Amino acid sequence: MDANEKSTVQADIDALKEIVDRTANQDSISESDVEALKAGKEKLMNSAQSVFAKMYQQNQQAGGPAPDMNAGQTSGNSGNNDDVVDGDYREV
């Protein structure tokens, strides 16, 4: 990761933390604070997205496997779930 990109993402994180810390002990958050949180989140997502895209691209160029976006999820009867039993039911 480029040092400039890392510092940009870290600055976005720090700015968002500052807003969260400032508003954490308030009973209600003002509309301007809500907008600042939304803007900070969006800015962080954009700066982090470019870093994630480069990491993914480098992984692909190195011949690494593509990330499994469905890791840990099962769908229907696929897979070897021998302990799964389908059952019938009736409404009473």
C-alpha atoms as a PDB file:
ATOM      1  CA  MET A   1       0.000   0.000   0.000  1.00  0.00           C
ATOM      2  CA  ASP A   2       1.237   3.452  -0.892  1.00  0.00           C
ATOM      3  CA  ALA A   3       2.168   5.591   2.142  1.00  0.00           C
ATOM      4  CA  ASN A   4       0.082   8.469   0.798  1.00  0.00           C
ATOM      5  CA  GLU A   5      -3.012   6.258   0.494  1.00  0.00           C
ATOM      6  CA  LYS A   6      -2.432   4.875   3.975  1.00  0.00           C
ATOM      7  CA  SER A   7      -2.162   8.361   5.464  1.00  0.00           C
ATOM      8  CA  THR A   8      -5.330   9.445   3.630  1.00  0.00           C
ATOM      9  CA  VAL A   9      -7.329   6.505   4.983  1.00  0.00           C
ATOM     10  CA  GLN A  10      -5.904   7.010   8.475  1.00  0.00           C
ATOM     11  CA  ALA A  11      -6.795  10.723   8.385  1.00  0.00           C
ATOM     12  CA  ASP A  12     -10.364   9.836   7.370  1.00  0.00           C
ATOM     13  CA  ILE A  13     -10.580   7.321  10.219  1.00  0.00           C
ATOM     14  CA  ASP A  14      -9.230   9.845  12.729  1.00  0.00           C
ATOM     15  CA  ALA A  15     -11.651  12.537  11.553  1.00  0.00           C
ATOM     16  CA  LEU A  16     -14.592  10.175  11.922  1.00  0.00           C
ATOM     17  CA  LYS A  17     -13.405   9.060  15.375  1.00  0.00           C
ATOM     18  CA  GLU A  18     -13.184  12.690  16.439  1.00  0.00           C
ATOM     19  CA  ILE A  19     -16.811  13.303  15.486  1.00  0.00           C
ATOM     20  CA  VAL A  20     -17.937  10.114  17.239  1.00  0.00           C
ATOM     21  CA  ASP A  21     -15.993  10.983  20.401  1.00  0.00           C
ATOM     22  CA  ARG A  22     -17.397  14.525  20.399  1.00  0.00           C
ATOM     23  CA  THR A  23     -20.996  13.324  20.094  1.00  0.00           C
ATOM     24  CA  ALA A  24     -20.760  10.182  22.246  1.00  0.00           C
ATOM     25  CA  ASN A  25     -21.772  11.805  25.527  1.00  0.00           C
ATOM     26  CA  GLN A  26     -24.564  13.976  24.170  1.00  0.00           C
ATOM     27  CA  ASP A  27     -28.193  13.138  24.833  1.00  0.00           C
ATOM     28  CA  SER A  28     -29.147  14.120  21.313  1.00  0.00           C
ATOM     29  CA  ILE A  29     -27.060  14.676  18.218  1.00  0.00           C
ATOM     30  CA  SER A  30     -27.577  17.818  16.185  1.00  0.00           C
ATOM     31  CA  GLU A  31     -28.462  17.700  12.520  1.00  0.00           C
ATOM     32  CA  SER A  32     -25.050  19.133  11.623  1.00  0.00           C
ATOM     33  CA  ASP A  33     -23.321  16.328  13.560  1.00  0.00           C
ATOM     34  CA  VAL A  34     -25.429  13.733  11.750  1.00  0.00           C
ATOM     35  CA  GLU A  35     -24.466  15.277   8.415  1.00  0.00           C
ATOM     36  CA  ALA A  36     -20.797  15.385   9.472  1.00  0.00           C
ATOM     37  CA  LEU A  37     -20.962  11.684  10.415  1.00  0.00           C
ATOM     38  CA  LYS A  38     -22.552  10.772   7.092  1.00  0.00           C
ATOM     39  CA  ALA A  39     -20.000  12.818   5.140  1.00  0.00           C
ATOM     40  CA  GLY A  40     -17.109  11.354   7.121  1.00  0.00           C
ATOM     41  CA  LYS A  41     -18.376   7.827   6.580  1.00  0.00           C
ATOM     42  CA  GLU A  42     -18.759   8.414   2.860  1.00  0.00           C
ATOM     43  CA  LYS A  43     -15.279   9.930   2.593  1.00  0.00           C
ATOM     44  CA  LEU A  44     -13.759   6.973   4.473  1.00  0.00           C
ATOM     45  CA  MET A  45     -15.606   4.465   2.316  1.00  0.00           C
ATOM     46  CA  ASN A  46     -14.334   6.126  -0.852  1.00  0.00           C
ATOM     47  CA  SER A  47     -10.713   6.323   0.276  1.00  0.00           C
ATOM     48  CA  ALA A  48     -10.754   2.763   1.622  1.00  0.00           C
ATOM     49  CA  GLN A  49     -12.433   1.447  -1.530  1.00  0.00           C
ATOM     50  CA  SER A  50      -9.490   2.522  -3.677  1.00  0.00           C
ATOM     51  CA  VAL A  51      -7.107   0.725  -1.311  1.00  0.00           C
ATOM     52  CA  PHE A  52      -9.247  -2.429  -1.332  1.00  0.00           C
ATOM     53  CA  ALA A  53      -9.426  -2.366  -5.128  1.00  0.00           C
ATOM     54  CA  LYS A  54      -5.630  -2.171  -5.378  1.00  0.00           C
ATOM     55  CA  MET A  55      -5.227  -4.998  -2.852  1.00  0.00           C
ATOM     56  CA  TYR A  56      -7.633  -7.151  -4.838  1.00  0.00           C
ATOM     57  CA  GLN A  57      -5.856  -6.318  -8.094  1.00  0.00           C
ATOM     58  CA  GLN A  58      -2.440  -7.169  -6.617  1.00  0.00           C
ATOM     59  CA  ASN A  59      -3.819 -10.454  -5.301  1.00  0.00           C
ATOM     60  CA  GLN A  60      -5.170 -11.336  -8.745  1.00  0.00           C
ATOM     61  CA  GLN A  61      -1.860 -10.474 -10.428  1.00  0.00           C
ATOM     62  CA  ALA A  62       0.004 -12.655  -7.929  1.00  0.00           C
ATOM     63  CA  GLY A  63      -2.264 -15.572  -8.846  1.00  0.00           C
ATOM     64  CA  GLY A  64      -3.988 -15.674  -5.501  1.00  0.00           C
ATOM     65  CA  PRO A  65      -7.513 -16.990  -5.161  1.00  0.00           C
ATOM     66  CA  ALA A  66     -10.442 -14.670  -5.471  1.00  0.00           C
ATOM     67  CA  PRO A  67     -12.091 -13.969  -2.130  1.00  0.00           C
ATOM     68  CA  ASP A  68     -15.074 -16.187  -1.395  1.00  0.00           C
ATOM     69  CA  MET A  69     -17.891 -13.740  -0.852  1.00  0.00           C
ATOM     70  CA  ASN A  70     -20.158 -16.576   0.363  1.00  0.00           C
ATOM     71  CA  ALA A  71     -17.763 -18.012   2.929  1.00  0.00           C
ATOM     72  CA  GLY A  72     -19.582 -19.610   5.814  1.00  0.00           C
ATOM     73  CA  GLN A  73     -22.950 -19.568   4.106  1.00  0.00           C
ATOM     74  CA  THR A  74     -24.850 -22.613   2.947  1.00  0.00           C
ATOM     75  CA  SER A  75     -27.642 -22.606   0.453  1.00  0.00           C
ATOM     76  CA  GLY A  76     -30.392 -25.167   0.251  1.00  0.00           C
ATOM     77  CA  ASN A  77     -29.352 -28.806   0.118  1.00  0.00           C
ATOM     78  CA  SER A  78     -25.983 -28.181  -1.544  1.00  0.00           C
ATOM     79  CA  GLY A  79     -22.828 -29.398   0.134  1.00  0.00           C
ATOM     80  CA  ASN A  80     -22.223 -32.378   2.344  1.00  0.00           C
ATOM     81  CA  ASN A  81     -24.471 -31.561   5.276  1.00  0.00           C
ATOM     82  CA  ASP A  82     -25.095 -35.158   6.348  1.00  0.00           C
ATOM     83  CA  ASP A  83     -26.606 -34.132   9.663  1.00  0.00           C
ATOM     84  CA  VAL A  84     -29.358 -32.043   8.017  1.00  0.00           C
ATOM     85  CA  VAL A  85     -32.774 -33.672   7.936  1.00  0.00           C
ATOM     86  CA  ASP A  86     -35.624 -32.462   5.801  1.00  0.00           C
ATOM     87  CA  GLY A  87     -38.952 -32.825   7.505  1.00  0.00           C
ATOM     88  CA  ASP A  88     -42.608 -32.609   6.656  1.00  0.00           C
ATOM     89  CA  TYR A  89     -44.993 -30.520   8.670  1.00  0.00           C
ATOM     90  CA  ARG A  90     -48.659 -29.873   8.750  1.00  0.00           C
ATOM     91  CA  GLU A  91     -50.581 -26.924  10.028  1.00  0.00           C
ATOM     92  CA  VAL A  92     -53.048 -27.640  12.781  1.00  0.00           C
END
